[in-house]
Amino acid sequence: MMASFKIETLSHPTNGLVAANIYYPTDPSTLLVGTDYIYRSHEEAEGET
């Protein structure tokens, strides 16, 4: 059985770059790890995480 992680992407309000937040599979309200605003799109952020 594979774990299912919740991934949330966020756009920076001024530069348009995207960050990704990854949440625990057993508790989707608890943040596991987050990235800086380094991705050019939401799709890129989801694909890299």
N, C-alpha and C. Protein backbone atom coordinates (compact mmCIF):
# COMPACT_ATOMS: atom_id res chain seq x y z
N MET A 1 0.84 -1.18 0.00
CA MET A 1 0.00 0.00 0.00
C MET A 1 0.89 1.25 0.00
N MET A 2 0.59 2.17 -0.88
CA MET A 2 1.37 3.41 -0.97
C MET A 2 0.74 4.49 -0.12
N ALA A 3 1.59 5.31 0.47
CA ALA A 3 1.10 6.46 1.23
C ALA A 3 0.62 7.54 0.26
N SER A 4 -0.43 8.23 0.63
CA SER A 4 -0.97 9.30 -0.19
C SER A 4 -0.73 10.62 0.52
N PHE A 5 0.18 11.42 0.00
CA PHE A 5 0.53 12.70 0.60
C PHE A 5 -0.33 13.81 0.00
N LYS A 6 -0.69 14.76 0.81
CA LYS A 6 -1.38 15.96 0.33
C LYS A 6 -0.31 16.97 -0.05
N ILE A 7 -0.38 17.48 -1.29
CA ILE A 7 0.54 18.51 -1.77
C ILE A 7 -0.27 19.76 -2.08
N GLU A 8 0.15 20.86 -1.50
CA GLU A 8 -0.51 22.14 -1.71
C GLU A 8 0.51 23.09 -2.33
N THR A 9 0.13 23.76 -3.42
CA THR A 9 1.04 24.71 -4.05
C THR A 9 0.57 26.13 -3.76
N LEU A 10 1.53 27.04 -3.62
CA LEU A 10 1.25 28.43 -3.28
C LEU A 10 2.00 29.35 -4.24
N SER A 11 1.33 30.36 -4.76
CA SER A 11 1.98 31.34 -5.63
C SER A 11 2.46 32.53 -4.83
N HIS A 12 3.68 32.97 -5.11
CA HIS A 12 4.21 34.17 -4.47
C HIS A 12 3.47 35.39 -5.03
N PRO A 13 3.04 36.30 -4.17
CA PRO A 13 2.22 37.43 -4.64
C PRO A 13 2.92 38.43 -5.56
N THR A 14 4.25 38.50 -5.51
CA THR A 14 4.93 39.51 -6.33
C THR A 14 5.76 38.94 -7.48
N ASN A 15 6.43 37.81 -7.28
CA ASN A 15 7.30 37.30 -8.34
C ASN A 15 6.69 36.16 -9.14
N GLY A 16 5.54 35.63 -8.71
CA GLY A 16 4.85 34.59 -9.47
C GLY A 16 5.42 33.20 -9.33
N LEU A 17 6.52 33.03 -8.58
CA LEU A 17 7.07 31.70 -8.38
C LEU A 17 6.16 30.90 -7.45
N VAL A 18 6.35 29.60 -7.46
CA VAL A 18 5.46 28.69 -6.73
C VAL A 18 6.25 27.89 -5.70
N ALA A 19 5.65 27.69 -4.54
CA ALA A 19 6.20 26.84 -3.48
C ALA A 19 5.27 25.64 -3.31
N ALA A 20 5.78 24.59 -2.70
CA ALA A 20 4.96 23.40 -2.43
C ALA A 20 5.05 23.04 -0.95
N ASN A 21 3.91 22.72 -0.38
CA ASN A 21 3.84 22.21 0.98
C ASN A 21 3.36 20.77 0.91
N ILE A 22 4.02 19.89 1.64
CA ILE A 22 3.66 18.47 1.66
C ILE A 22 3.23 18.12 3.08
N TYR A 23 2.09 17.45 3.18
CA TYR A 23 1.50 17.14 4.47
C TYR A 23 1.55 15.65 4.76
N TYR A 24 1.59 15.28 6.05
CA TYR A 24 1.65 13.89 6.48
C TYR A 24 0.46 13.10 5.93
N PRO A 25 0.69 11.88 5.46
CA PRO A 25 -0.42 11.07 4.93
C PRO A 25 -1.42 10.67 6.02
N THR A 26 -0.96 10.51 7.25
CA THR A 26 -1.86 10.10 8.33
C THR A 26 -2.58 11.28 8.97
N ASP A 27 -2.08 12.51 8.73
CA ASP A 27 -2.71 13.71 9.27
C ASP A 27 -2.53 14.85 8.27
N PRO A 28 -3.44 14.98 7.30
CA PRO A 28 -3.26 15.95 6.24
C PRO A 28 -3.30 17.41 6.68
N SER A 29 -3.54 17.67 7.95
CA SER A 29 -3.50 19.05 8.43
C SER A 29 -2.13 19.42 9.01
N THR A 30 -1.22 18.43 9.13
CA THR A 30 0.10 18.66 9.70
C THR A 30 1.15 18.70 8.59
N LEU A 31 1.85 19.84 8.52
CA LEU A 31 2.88 20.05 7.49
C LEU A 31 4.08 19.15 7.75
N LEU A 32 4.49 18.41 6.72
CA LEU A 32 5.69 17.57 6.78
C LEU A 32 6.91 18.38 6.36
N VAL A 33 6.81 19.03 5.20
CA VAL A 33 7.92 19.83 4.67
C VAL A 33 7.35 20.84 3.67
N GLY A 34 8.04 21.96 3.56
CA GLY A 34 7.66 22.96 2.57
C GLY A 34 8.89 23.43 1.81
N THR A 35 8.69 23.86 0.57
CA THR A 35 9.80 24.36 -0.24
C THR A 35 9.78 25.88 -0.27
N ASP A 36 10.86 26.45 -0.73
CA ASP A 36 10.89 27.88 -1.02
C ASP A 36 10.13 28.11 -2.33
N TYR A 37 9.93 29.37 -2.66
CA TYR A 37 9.29 29.73 -3.93
C TYR A 37 10.33 29.61 -5.04
N ILE A 38 10.45 28.42 -5.60
CA ILE A 38 11.50 28.16 -6.60
C ILE A 38 10.96 27.62 -7.92
N TYR A 39 9.69 27.25 -7.96
CA TYR A 39 9.14 26.62 -9.16
C TYR A 39 8.45 27.65 -10.05
N ARG A 40 8.47 27.40 -11.36
CA ARG A 40 7.86 28.33 -12.32
C ARG A 40 6.37 28.11 -12.50
N SER A 41 5.87 26.92 -12.09
CA SER A 41 4.45 26.64 -12.25
C SER A 41 3.99 25.65 -11.17
N HIS A 42 2.68 25.57 -10.99
CA HIS A 42 2.11 24.62 -10.03
C HIS A 42 2.40 23.18 -10.47
N GLU A 43 2.34 22.95 -11.78
CA GLU A 43 2.61 21.61 -12.31
C GLU A 43 4.04 21.19 -12.06
N GLU A 44 4.97 22.11 -12.24
CA GLU A 44 6.38 21.81 -11.97
C GLU A 44 6.59 21.50 -10.48
N ALA A 45 5.97 22.26 -9.61
CA ALA A 45 6.10 22.05 -8.17
C ALA A 45 5.55 20.69 -7.77
N GLU A 46 4.40 20.31 -8.29
CA GLU A 46 3.81 19.01 -7.96
C GLU A 46 4.64 17.86 -8.53
N GLY A 47 5.21 18.05 -9.70
CA GLY A 47 6.00 17.01 -10.33
C GLY A 47 7.34 16.77 -9.65
N GLU A 48 7.90 17.79 -9.04
CA GLU A 48 9.21 17.69 -8.40
C GLU A 48 9.13 17.18 -6.97
N THR A 49 7.98 17.29 -6.33
CA THR A 49 7.88 16.93 -4.92
C THR A 49 7.49 15.52 -4.69
